[in-house]
Amino acid sequence: MGFRYPGYLCDIYTADKYLKEIPFDIHYSLDHSRRLIENAMAEIENYSRLVFIPRYDHKCYLRITGNYSGYTIEEDNGCYSIINLGYNGRRRFEVILHELMHAIGFSHEHMRPDRDRFVKIFWENIEPEFQSQYRKLTYNEYLWNDFEMDYESIMMYSSFAYSKNGFITMVTNNGAEIGINTKLSYSDKVKLTLL
């Protein structure tokens, strides 16, 4: 049977309707980070019916490389999604977990369609090439409309993310700074159980 994750390019096949397999391939240049990547995968598996399995001859798979640019979806005589963990700063557990969540269909929490009720964006402080990371999604694009805003989500940027000048890029509507989230929030875990 096939299962299509929102934001994930290809069908993921499983013989067991209760487990959904995600084939993956880790580029050899990341061998020294393999354990960290597999720990992040295990964290997602702990709260979902998803199982990451090494790619054998799967046409569709998750490709994890040492290139730079975050999460992308590409097609090449078939299909695959790519997580790029280029420089060493991106090879932290929370960054890998965040990118894996993108690969299974999660978008940024601060991009939710009702976000203006919860946060204020300071566009003038955001590096121009990263302003798209702050665009607002439509209700059709965002999966979790029934959930409250989650400032602690692994998918939520901090107040200084992508600042071009050292000034704040985003705060809560009551003016509080948003910290760097390093693990799945309670709400992230609940959402994972629903996949």
N, C-alpha and C. Protein backbone atom coordinates (compact mmCIF):
# COMPACT_ATOMS: atom_id res chain seq x y z
N MET A 1 0.84 -1.18 0.00
CA MET A 1 0.00 0.00 0.00
C MET A 1 0.88 1.23 0.00
N GLY A 2 0.43 2.31 -0.56
CA GLY A 2 1.21 3.54 -0.61
C GLY A 2 0.71 4.54 0.41
N PHE A 3 1.58 5.42 0.81
CA PHE A 3 1.23 6.49 1.74
C PHE A 3 1.97 7.74 1.29
N ARG A 4 1.27 8.83 1.10
CA ARG A 4 1.93 10.05 0.65
C ARG A 4 1.94 11.06 1.79
N TYR A 5 3.14 11.45 2.18
CA TYR A 5 3.28 12.48 3.20
C TYR A 5 3.16 13.83 2.55
N PRO A 6 2.43 14.76 3.16
CA PRO A 6 2.41 16.11 2.63
C PRO A 6 3.84 16.65 2.60
N GLY A 7 4.25 17.20 1.49
CA GLY A 7 5.59 17.73 1.39
C GLY A 7 6.64 16.69 1.04
N TYR A 8 6.25 15.44 1.03
CA TYR A 8 7.20 14.37 0.69
C TYR A 8 6.87 13.92 -0.72
N LEU A 9 7.87 13.88 -1.58
CA LEU A 9 7.64 13.72 -3.00
C LEU A 9 7.04 12.38 -3.40
N CYS A 10 7.44 11.31 -2.73
CA CYS A 10 7.08 10.00 -3.27
C CYS A 10 6.29 9.15 -2.29
N ASP A 11 5.60 8.19 -2.86
CA ASP A 11 4.86 7.24 -2.04
C ASP A 11 5.83 6.39 -1.23
N ILE A 12 5.42 6.07 -0.03
CA ILE A 12 6.22 5.22 0.84
C ILE A 12 5.44 3.93 1.02
N TYR A 13 6.06 2.83 0.67
CA TYR A 13 5.36 1.56 0.65
C TYR A 13 5.62 0.77 1.92
N THR A 14 4.59 0.07 2.33
CA THR A 14 4.71 -0.76 3.52
C THR A 14 3.79 -1.96 3.38
N ALA A 15 4.22 -3.07 3.90
CA ALA A 15 3.40 -4.27 3.91
C ALA A 15 2.49 -4.28 5.13
N ASP A 16 2.79 -3.46 6.09
CA ASP A 16 2.07 -3.40 7.35
C ASP A 16 1.33 -2.07 7.43
N LYS A 17 0.00 -2.12 7.51
CA LYS A 17 -0.76 -0.87 7.51
C LYS A 17 -0.50 -0.03 8.76
N TYR A 18 0.11 -0.62 9.77
CA TYR A 18 0.37 0.12 11.00
C TYR A 18 1.76 0.75 11.03
N LEU A 19 2.64 0.33 10.13
CA LEU A 19 3.98 0.91 10.06
C LEU A 19 4.21 1.48 8.68
N LYS A 20 4.77 2.64 8.62
CA LYS A 20 5.06 3.28 7.34
C LYS A 20 6.57 3.43 7.23
N GLU A 21 7.13 2.80 6.22
CA GLU A 21 8.59 2.76 6.06
C GLU A 21 9.09 3.94 5.23
N ILE A 22 10.20 4.51 5.66
CA ILE A 22 10.85 5.58 4.92
C ILE A 22 12.27 5.13 4.61
N PRO A 23 12.51 4.69 3.38
CA PRO A 23 13.88 4.30 3.00
C PRO A 23 14.79 5.54 3.01
N PHE A 24 16.02 5.36 3.47
CA PHE A 24 16.95 6.49 3.51
C PHE A 24 18.34 6.04 3.08
N ASP A 25 19.11 7.01 2.64
CA ASP A 25 20.50 6.79 2.26
C ASP A 25 21.32 7.94 2.82
N ILE A 26 22.34 7.62 3.61
CA ILE A 26 23.22 8.64 4.18
C ILE A 26 24.52 8.63 3.39
N HIS A 27 24.89 9.76 2.83
CA HIS A 27 26.11 9.87 2.03
C HIS A 27 27.33 9.55 2.90
N TYR A 28 28.31 8.89 2.31
CA TYR A 28 29.49 8.46 3.06
C TYR A 28 30.24 9.62 3.73
N SER A 29 30.10 10.83 3.19
CA SER A 29 30.78 11.98 3.80
C SER A 29 30.21 12.31 5.19
N LEU A 30 29.07 11.71 5.53
CA LEU A 30 28.44 11.94 6.83
C LEU A 30 28.61 10.75 7.77
N ASP A 31 29.52 9.83 7.44
CA ASP A 31 29.70 8.65 8.29
C ASP A 31 29.96 9.03 9.75
N HIS A 32 30.70 10.10 9.98
CA HIS A 32 31.00 10.54 11.35
C HIS A 32 29.77 11.12 12.06
N SER A 33 28.71 11.43 11.31
CA SER A 33 27.48 11.97 11.90
C SER A 33 26.35 10.94 11.88
N ARG A 34 26.63 9.74 11.40
CA ARG A 34 25.59 8.72 11.23
C ARG A 34 24.82 8.45 12.52
N ARG A 35 25.52 8.29 13.62
CA ARG A 35 24.83 7.97 14.89
C ARG A 35 23.87 9.10 15.29
N LEU A 36 24.29 10.33 15.11
CA LEU A 36 23.44 11.48 15.42
C LEU A 36 22.19 11.49 14.54
N ILE A 37 22.36 11.21 13.26
CA ILE A 37 21.24 11.16 12.32
C ILE A 37 20.28 10.03 12.71
N GLU A 38 20.83 8.87 13.01
CA GLU A 38 19.99 7.73 13.39
C GLU A 38 19.28 7.97 14.72
N ASN A 39 19.91 8.69 15.64
CA ASN A 39 19.25 9.05 16.90
C ASN A 39 18.06 9.97 16.65
N ALA A 40 18.20 10.90 15.72
CA ALA A 40 17.08 11.79 15.38
C ALA A 40 15.95 11.00 14.73
N MET A 41 16.30 10.04 13.87
CA MET A 41 15.29 9.17 13.26
C MET A 41 14.56 8.37 14.34
N ALA A 42 15.31 7.84 15.30
CA ALA A 42 14.72 7.05 16.38
C ALA A 42 13.76 7.90 17.21
N GLU A 43 14.07 9.17 17.39
CA GLU A 43 13.19 10.06 18.14
C GLU A 43 11.83 10.18 17.45
N ILE A 44 11.84 10.30 16.13
CA ILE A 44 10.58 10.37 15.38
C ILE A 44 9.86 9.03 15.44
N GLU A 45 10.60 7.94 15.30
CA GLU A 45 9.99 6.60 15.37
C GLU A 45 9.31 6.36 16.71
N ASN A 46 9.89 6.89 17.79
CA ASN A 46 9.34 6.68 19.13
C ASN A 46 7.93 7.22 19.30
N TYR A 47 7.55 8.22 18.50
CA TYR A 47 6.25 8.87 18.67
C TYR A 47 5.34 8.71 17.46
N SER A 48 5.69 7.82 16.55
CA SER A 48 4.89 7.68 15.32
C SER A 48 4.88 6.23 14.87
N ARG A 49 4.21 5.99 13.76
CA ARG A 49 4.22 4.67 13.13
C ARG A 49 5.22 4.64 11.99
N LEU A 50 6.10 5.61 11.95
CA LEU A 50 7.11 5.68 10.89
C LEU A 50 8.33 4.87 11.28
N VAL A 51 8.92 4.23 10.29
CA VAL A 51 10.15 3.46 10.50
C VAL A 51 11.12 3.83 9.39
N PHE A 52 12.28 4.32 9.76
CA PHE A 52 13.32 4.63 8.78
C PHE A 52 14.11 3.35 8.51
N ILE A 53 14.22 2.99 7.24
CA ILE A 53 14.94 1.77 6.87
C ILE A 53 16.02 2.12 5.84
N PRO A 54 17.18 1.45 5.90
CA PRO A 54 18.21 1.72 4.90
C PRO A 54 17.68 1.42 3.50
N ARG A 55 18.02 2.27 2.56
CA ARG A 55 17.60 2.08 1.16
C ARG A 55 18.34 0.88 0.58
N TYR A 56 17.59 0.06 -0.12
CA TYR A 56 18.19 -1.05 -0.85
C TYR A 56 18.06 -0.76 -2.34
N ASP A 57 16.89 -1.04 -2.89
CA ASP A 57 16.65 -0.73 -4.30
C ASP A 57 15.40 0.13 -4.46
N HIS A 58 15.03 0.83 -3.40
CA HIS A 58 13.84 1.67 -3.42
C HIS A 58 14.02 2.81 -4.42
N LYS A 59 13.00 3.01 -5.22
CA LYS A 59 13.02 4.11 -6.19
C LYS A 59 12.86 5.46 -5.48
N CYS A 60 12.00 5.49 -4.50
CA CYS A 60 11.73 6.71 -3.74
C CYS A 60 12.37 6.58 -2.36
N TYR A 61 13.10 7.60 -1.97
CA TYR A 61 13.80 7.51 -0.70
C TYR A 61 14.22 8.89 -0.20
N LEU A 62 14.66 8.92 1.02
CA LEU A 62 15.19 10.13 1.64
C LEU A 62 16.71 10.09 1.53
N ARG A 63 17.26 11.10 0.90
CA ARG A 63 18.70 11.16 0.67
C ARG A 63 19.29 12.22 1.61
N ILE A 64 20.27 11.82 2.42
CA ILE A 64 20.89 12.74 3.37
C ILE A 64 22.33 12.96 2.93
N THR A 65 22.66 14.22 2.62
CA THR A 65 23.97 14.54 2.04
C THR A 65 24.73 15.55 2.89
N GLY A 66 25.97 15.77 2.52
CA GLY A 66 26.80 16.76 3.18
C GLY A 66 26.79 18.09 2.45
N ASN A 67 25.91 18.26 1.47
CA ASN A 67 25.80 19.53 0.76
C ASN A 67 25.10 20.55 1.64
N TYR A 68 25.05 21.80 1.18
CA TYR A 68 24.40 22.85 1.93
C TYR A 68 23.08 23.22 1.27
N SER A 69 22.07 23.53 2.04
CA SER A 69 20.81 24.14 1.60
C SER A 69 19.60 23.61 2.32
N GLY A 70 19.75 22.81 3.35
CA GLY A 70 18.57 22.40 4.12
C GLY A 70 17.79 21.30 3.44
N TYR A 71 16.45 21.44 3.44
CA TYR A 71 15.57 20.40 2.91
C TYR A 71 15.10 20.78 1.52
N THR A 72 15.17 19.84 0.60
CA THR A 72 14.65 20.06 -0.75
C THR A 72 13.98 18.79 -1.24
N ILE A 73 13.12 18.95 -2.23
CA ILE A 73 12.52 17.81 -2.91
C ILE A 73 13.03 17.86 -4.34
N GLU A 74 13.58 16.76 -4.80
CA GLU A 74 14.10 16.71 -6.16
C GLU A 74 13.61 15.45 -6.85
N GLU A 75 13.70 15.48 -8.15
CA GLU A 75 13.29 14.33 -8.95
C GLU A 75 14.40 14.01 -9.92
N ASP A 76 14.75 12.74 -10.00
CA ASP A 76 15.83 12.31 -10.88
C ASP A 76 15.56 10.87 -11.29
N ASN A 77 14.93 10.69 -12.46
CA ASN A 77 14.57 9.34 -12.91
C ASN A 77 13.85 8.57 -11.81
N GLY A 78 12.93 9.20 -11.19
CA GLY A 78 12.24 8.63 -10.06
C GLY A 78 11.97 9.75 -9.09
N CYS A 79 12.24 9.51 -7.82
CA CYS A 79 12.00 10.58 -6.88
C CYS A 79 12.79 10.37 -5.61
N TYR A 80 13.13 11.46 -5.00
CA TYR A 80 13.72 11.42 -3.67
C TYR A 80 13.65 12.79 -3.04
N SER A 81 13.65 12.80 -1.72
CA SER A 81 13.76 14.04 -0.96
C SER A 81 15.17 14.11 -0.42
N ILE A 82 15.68 15.32 -0.27
CA ILE A 82 17.06 15.50 0.17
C ILE A 82 17.12 16.36 1.42
N ILE A 83 17.90 15.90 2.38
CA ILE A 83 18.28 16.73 3.52
C ILE A 83 19.77 16.99 3.36
N ASN A 84 20.14 18.25 3.29
CA ASN A 84 21.54 18.64 3.17
C ASN A 84 22.05 19.13 4.51
N LEU A 85 23.07 18.47 5.03
CA LEU A 85 23.65 18.84 6.32
C LEU A 85 25.06 19.35 6.12
N GLY A 86 25.20 20.33 5.24
CA GLY A 86 26.48 20.81 4.78
C GLY A 86 27.56 21.06 5.79
N TYR A 87 27.50 22.18 6.47
CA TYR A 87 28.60 22.53 7.36
C TYR A 87 28.32 21.99 8.76
N ASN A 88 29.34 21.93 9.58
CA ASN A 88 29.25 21.28 10.89
C ASN A 88 28.17 21.86 11.80
N GLY A 89 27.86 23.15 11.67
CA GLY A 89 26.82 23.75 12.50
C GLY A 89 25.45 23.15 12.24
N ARG A 90 25.26 22.58 11.06
CA ARG A 90 23.97 21.95 10.74
C ARG A 90 23.93 20.51 11.21
N ARG A 91 25.01 20.01 11.75
CA ARG A 91 25.06 18.61 12.16
C ARG A 91 24.83 18.46 13.66
N ARG A 92 23.91 19.26 14.16
CA ARG A 92 23.49 19.15 15.55
C ARG A 92 22.17 18.37 15.57
N PHE A 93 21.92 17.69 16.69
CA PHE A 93 20.73 16.85 16.81
C PHE A 93 19.46 17.62 16.45
N GLU A 94 19.30 18.82 17.02
CA GLU A 94 18.05 19.57 16.81
C GLU A 94 17.88 20.00 15.36
N VAL A 95 18.97 20.30 14.66
CA VAL A 95 18.88 20.68 13.25
C VAL A 95 18.50 19.47 12.40
N ILE A 96 19.12 18.34 12.69
CA ILE A 96 18.79 17.11 11.95
C ILE A 96 17.34 16.73 12.19
N LEU A 97 16.89 16.80 13.44
CA LEU A 97 15.50 16.48 13.77
C LEU A 97 14.54 17.41 13.03
N HIS A 98 14.85 18.70 13.02
CA HIS A 98 14.03 19.69 12.31
C HIS A 98 13.94 19.34 10.82
N GLU A 99 15.06 19.02 10.19
CA GLU A 99 15.06 18.70 8.76
C GLU A 99 14.34 17.39 8.48
N LEU A 100 14.46 16.41 9.36
CA LEU A 100 13.71 15.16 9.19
C LEU A 100 12.21 15.42 9.28
N MET A 101 11.81 16.31 10.16
CA MET A 101 10.38 16.65 10.28
C MET A 101 9.88 17.28 8.98
N HIS A 102 10.70 18.11 8.34
CA HIS A 102 10.33 18.62 7.02
C HIS A 102 10.12 17.46 6.05
N ALA A 103 11.03 16.50 6.07
CA ALA A 103 10.98 15.39 5.12
C ALA A 103 9.71 14.56 5.26
N ILE A 104 9.12 14.53 6.45
CA ILE A 104 7.89 13.76 6.63
C ILE A 104 6.64 14.63 6.54
N GLY A 105 6.84 15.90 6.17
CA GLY A 105 5.68 16.73 5.85
C GLY A 105 5.40 17.90 6.76
N PHE A 106 6.22 18.15 7.77
CA PHE A 106 5.98 19.26 8.69
C PHE A 106 6.52 20.56 8.12
N SER A 107 5.76 21.62 8.27
CA SER A 107 6.22 22.96 7.86
C SER A 107 6.60 23.73 9.12
N HIS A 108 7.16 24.91 8.93
CA HIS A 108 7.54 25.74 10.07
C HIS A 108 6.30 26.20 10.83
N GLU A 109 6.38 26.16 12.14
CA GLU A 109 5.27 26.57 12.99
C GLU A 109 4.96 28.06 12.81
N HIS A 110 5.99 28.88 12.60
CA HIS A 110 5.77 30.32 12.46
C HIS A 110 5.22 30.69 11.08
N MET A 111 5.02 29.70 10.21
CA MET A 111 4.43 29.96 8.89
C MET A 111 2.94 29.63 8.85
N ARG A 112 2.39 29.18 9.96
CA ARG A 112 0.98 28.80 9.99
C ARG A 112 0.10 29.98 9.57
N PRO A 113 -1.07 29.72 9.00
CA PRO A 113 -1.89 30.79 8.43
C PRO A 113 -2.39 31.81 9.45
N ASP A 114 -2.54 31.41 10.70
CA ASP A 114 -3.03 32.32 11.74
C ASP A 114 -1.90 32.89 12.59
N ARG A 115 -0.69 32.81 12.13
CA ARG A 115 0.47 33.18 12.94
C ARG A 115 0.46 34.64 13.40
N ASP A 116 -0.19 35.53 12.65
CA ASP A 116 -0.20 36.95 13.04
C ASP A 116 -0.92 37.17 14.37
N ARG A 117 -1.73 36.22 14.78
CA ARG A 117 -2.38 36.29 16.09
C ARG A 117 -1.39 36.00 17.22
N PHE A 118 -0.24 35.41 16.87
CA PHE A 118 0.68 34.92 17.90
C PHE A 118 2.08 35.53 17.86
N VAL A 119 2.55 35.91 16.67
CA VAL A 119 3.92 36.43 16.56
C VAL A 119 3.97 37.68 15.70
N LYS A 120 5.01 38.45 15.92
CA LYS A 120 5.29 39.63 15.09
C LYS A 120 6.61 39.37 14.38
N ILE A 121 6.61 39.55 13.06
CA ILE A 121 7.79 39.34 12.23
C ILE A 121 8.42 40.70 11.94
N PHE A 122 9.73 40.80 12.10
CA PHE A 122 10.47 42.02 11.78
C PHE A 122 11.21 41.78 10.47
N TRP A 123 10.50 42.00 9.37
CA TRP A 123 11.03 41.71 8.04
C TRP A 123 12.33 42.46 7.75
N GLU A 124 12.43 43.67 8.26
CA GLU A 124 13.61 44.49 7.98
C GLU A 124 14.90 43.91 8.58
N ASN A 125 14.76 42.96 9.51
CA ASN A 125 15.94 42.36 10.15
C ASN A 125 16.31 40.99 9.58
N ILE A 126 15.50 40.47 8.68
CA ILE A 126 15.73 39.12 8.14
C ILE A 126 16.60 39.20 6.89
N GLU A 127 17.59 38.31 6.81
CA GLU A 127 18.42 38.23 5.61
C GLU A 127 17.49 38.00 4.42
N PRO A 128 17.63 38.79 3.35
CA PRO A 128 16.70 38.70 2.21
C PRO A 128 16.53 37.29 1.65
N GLU A 129 17.62 36.53 1.57
CA GLU A 129 17.51 35.19 0.98
C GLU A 129 16.76 34.19 1.86
N PHE A 130 16.44 34.59 3.09
CA PHE A 130 15.71 33.70 3.99
C PHE A 130 14.31 34.21 4.31
N GLN A 131 13.87 35.29 3.68
CA GLN A 131 12.54 35.81 3.97
C GLN A 131 11.44 34.83 3.59
N SER A 132 11.70 33.98 2.60
CA SER A 132 10.70 32.97 2.21
C SER A 132 10.44 31.98 3.35
N GLN A 133 11.38 31.85 4.28
CA GLN A 133 11.21 30.96 5.43
C GLN A 133 10.19 31.50 6.43
N TYR A 134 9.73 32.71 6.19
CA TYR A 134 8.77 33.36 7.09
C TYR A 134 7.43 33.65 6.40
N ARG A 135 7.27 33.19 5.17
CA ARG A 135 6.00 33.47 4.49
C ARG A 135 4.87 32.73 5.20
N LYS A 136 3.69 33.25 5.06
CA LYS A 136 2.53 32.65 5.70
C LYS A 136 1.91 31.62 4.77
N LEU A 137 1.60 30.43 5.29
CA LEU A 137 0.95 29.39 4.50
C LEU A 137 -0.55 29.63 4.47
N THR A 138 -1.22 29.01 3.52
CA THR A 138 -2.68 29.04 3.49
C THR A 138 -3.20 27.93 4.41
N TYR A 139 -4.48 27.97 4.70
CA TYR A 139 -5.07 26.92 5.53
C TYR A 139 -4.99 25.56 4.85
N ASN A 140 -5.00 25.54 3.52
CA ASN A 140 -4.87 24.28 2.79
C ASN A 140 -3.45 23.73 2.83
N GLU A 141 -2.46 24.61 2.94
CA GLU A 141 -1.07 24.18 2.96
C GLU A 141 -0.61 23.71 4.34
N TYR A 142 -1.24 24.22 5.37
CA TYR A 142 -0.82 23.91 6.74
C TYR A 142 -1.67 22.77 7.29
N LEU A 143 -1.02 21.72 7.77
CA LEU A 143 -1.73 20.50 8.19
C LEU A 143 -2.39 20.57 9.55
N TRP A 144 -1.88 21.42 10.43
CA TRP A 144 -2.24 21.32 11.83
C TRP A 144 -3.09 22.49 12.31
N ASN A 145 -4.09 22.89 11.53
CA ASN A 145 -4.92 24.04 11.87
C ASN A 145 -5.71 23.87 13.16
N ASP A 146 -5.96 22.63 13.56
CA ASP A 146 -6.73 22.38 14.78
C ASP A 146 -5.88 22.49 16.04
N PHE A 147 -4.58 22.66 15.88
CA PHE A 147 -3.68 22.76 17.03
C PHE A 147 -3.37 24.23 17.34
N GLU A 148 -3.12 24.49 18.61
CA GLU A 148 -2.71 25.84 19.03
C GLU A 148 -1.28 26.12 18.57
N MET A 149 -0.93 27.39 18.48
CA MET A 149 0.44 27.79 18.19
C MET A 149 1.37 27.16 19.23
N ASP A 150 2.47 26.61 18.78
CA ASP A 150 3.40 25.91 19.66
C ASP A 150 4.77 26.58 19.60
N TYR A 151 5.04 27.46 20.55
CA TYR A 151 6.31 28.18 20.58
C TYR A 151 7.49 27.25 20.87
N GLU A 152 7.20 26.06 21.42
CA GLU A 152 8.26 25.12 21.79
C GLU A 152 8.51 24.06 20.72
N SER A 153 7.81 24.14 19.61
CA SER A 153 7.96 23.15 18.54
C SER A 153 9.38 23.15 17.98
N ILE A 154 9.86 21.99 17.61
CA ILE A 154 11.15 21.88 16.93
C ILE A 154 11.09 22.59 15.58
N MET A 155 9.87 22.88 15.10
CA MET A 155 9.67 23.54 13.81
C MET A 155 9.52 25.06 13.94
N MET A 156 9.73 25.59 15.13
CA MET A 156 9.60 27.04 15.38
C MET A 156 10.98 27.68 15.41
N TYR A 157 11.17 28.73 14.63
CA TYR A 157 12.43 29.47 14.65
C TYR A 157 12.55 30.29 15.93
N SER A 158 13.78 30.56 16.31
CA SER A 158 14.03 31.42 17.47
C SER A 158 13.92 32.89 17.07
N SER A 159 13.97 33.75 18.05
CA SER A 159 13.79 35.19 17.80
C SER A 159 14.90 35.83 16.98
N PHE A 160 16.06 35.19 16.91
CA PHE A 160 17.18 35.78 16.17
C PHE A 160 17.54 34.99 14.91
N ALA A 161 16.73 34.01 14.55
CA ALA A 161 17.04 33.18 13.37
C ALA A 161 17.12 34.05 12.12
N TYR A 162 18.17 33.86 11.36
CA TYR A 162 18.41 34.53 10.07
C TYR A 162 18.41 36.06 10.17
N SER A 163 18.86 36.56 11.31
CA SER A 163 18.99 38.01 11.45
C SER A 163 20.17 38.50 10.62
N LYS A 164 19.97 39.56 9.88
CA LYS A 164 21.04 40.12 9.05
C LYS A 164 21.86 41.17 9.79
N ASN A 165 21.35 41.58 10.96
CA ASN A 165 22.00 42.69 11.65
C ASN A 165 22.13 42.49 13.16
N GLY A 166 21.81 41.27 13.63
CA GLY A 166 21.89 40.99 15.06
C GLY A 166 20.66 41.38 15.84
N PHE A 167 19.67 41.96 15.16
CA PHE A 167 18.42 42.35 15.81
C PHE A 167 17.39 41.23 15.69
N ILE A 168 16.37 41.32 16.51
CA ILE A 168 15.31 40.31 16.56
C ILE A 168 14.57 40.21 15.23
N THR A 169 14.27 38.98 14.82
CA THR A 169 13.49 38.74 13.60
C THR A 169 12.04 38.37 13.91
N MET A 170 11.78 37.89 15.13
CA MET A 170 10.42 37.48 15.48
C MET A 170 10.28 37.42 17.00
N VAL A 171 9.13 37.88 17.49
CA VAL A 171 8.79 37.77 18.92
C VAL A 171 7.33 37.36 19.03
N THR A 172 6.94 36.92 20.22
CA THR A 172 5.53 36.66 20.45
C THR A 172 4.80 38.00 20.46
N ASN A 173 3.49 37.97 20.31
CA ASN A 173 2.73 39.22 20.28
C ASN A 173 2.76 39.98 21.60
N ASN A 174 3.14 39.30 22.69
CA ASN A 174 3.30 40.04 23.95
C ASN A 174 4.74 40.48 24.15
N GLY A 175 5.58 40.35 23.12
CA GLY A 175 6.94 40.86 23.15
C GLY A 175 8.00 39.92 23.68
N ALA A 176 7.61 38.69 24.02
CA ALA A 176 8.58 37.73 24.57
C ALA A 176 9.45 37.15 23.45
N GLU A 177 10.72 36.94 23.77
CA GLU A 177 11.61 36.29 22.82
C GLU A 177 11.32 34.79 22.77
N ILE A 178 11.58 34.20 21.62
CA ILE A 178 11.39 32.77 21.41
C ILE A 178 12.77 32.12 21.41
N GLY A 179 12.94 31.13 22.27
CA GLY A 179 14.24 30.48 22.41
C GLY A 179 14.52 29.47 21.31
N ILE A 180 15.71 28.90 21.36
CA ILE A 180 16.10 27.84 20.42
C ILE A 180 15.57 26.52 20.96
N ASN A 181 14.71 25.87 20.20
CA ASN A 181 14.13 24.60 20.63
C ASN A 181 15.03 23.45 20.17
N THR A 182 15.34 22.55 21.10
CA THR A 182 16.30 21.49 20.82
C THR A 182 15.71 20.09 20.83
N LYS A 183 14.39 20.00 21.04
CA LYS A 183 13.75 18.68 21.09
C LYS A 183 12.30 18.81 20.63
N LEU A 184 11.67 17.68 20.44
CA LEU A 184 10.26 17.66 20.08
C LEU A 184 9.45 18.21 21.25
N SER A 185 8.48 19.04 20.95
CA SER A 185 7.56 19.53 21.98
C SER A 185 6.47 18.48 22.20
N TYR A 186 5.67 18.68 23.23
CA TYR A 186 4.54 17.79 23.47
C TYR A 186 3.63 17.76 22.24
N SER A 187 3.35 18.93 21.69
CA SER A 187 2.47 19.03 20.52
C SER A 187 3.08 18.33 19.30
N ASP A 188 4.40 18.47 19.10
CA ASP A 188 5.07 17.74 18.01
C ASP A 188 4.83 16.24 18.15
N LYS A 189 4.96 15.74 19.37
CA LYS A 189 4.79 14.30 19.62
C LYS A 189 3.36 13.86 19.32
N VAL A 190 2.39 14.68 19.73
CA VAL A 190 0.99 14.35 19.46
C VAL A 190 0.75 14.31 17.95
N LYS A 191 1.27 15.29 17.23
CA LYS A 191 1.10 15.32 15.77
C LYS A 191 1.72 14.09 15.12
N LEU A 192 2.88 13.68 15.60
CA LEU A 192 3.53 12.49 15.04
C LEU A 192 2.67 11.24 15.22
N THR A 193 1.94 11.15 16.33
CA THR A 193 1.08 9.97 16.53
C THR A 193 -0.05 9.92 15.52
N LEU A 194 -0.37 11.06 14.90
CA LEU A 194 -1.49 11.13 13.96
C LEU A 194 -1.10 10.79 12.53
N LEU A 195 0.19 10.66 12.25
CA LEU A 195 0.61 10.32 10.88
C LEU A 195 0.28 8.88 10.56
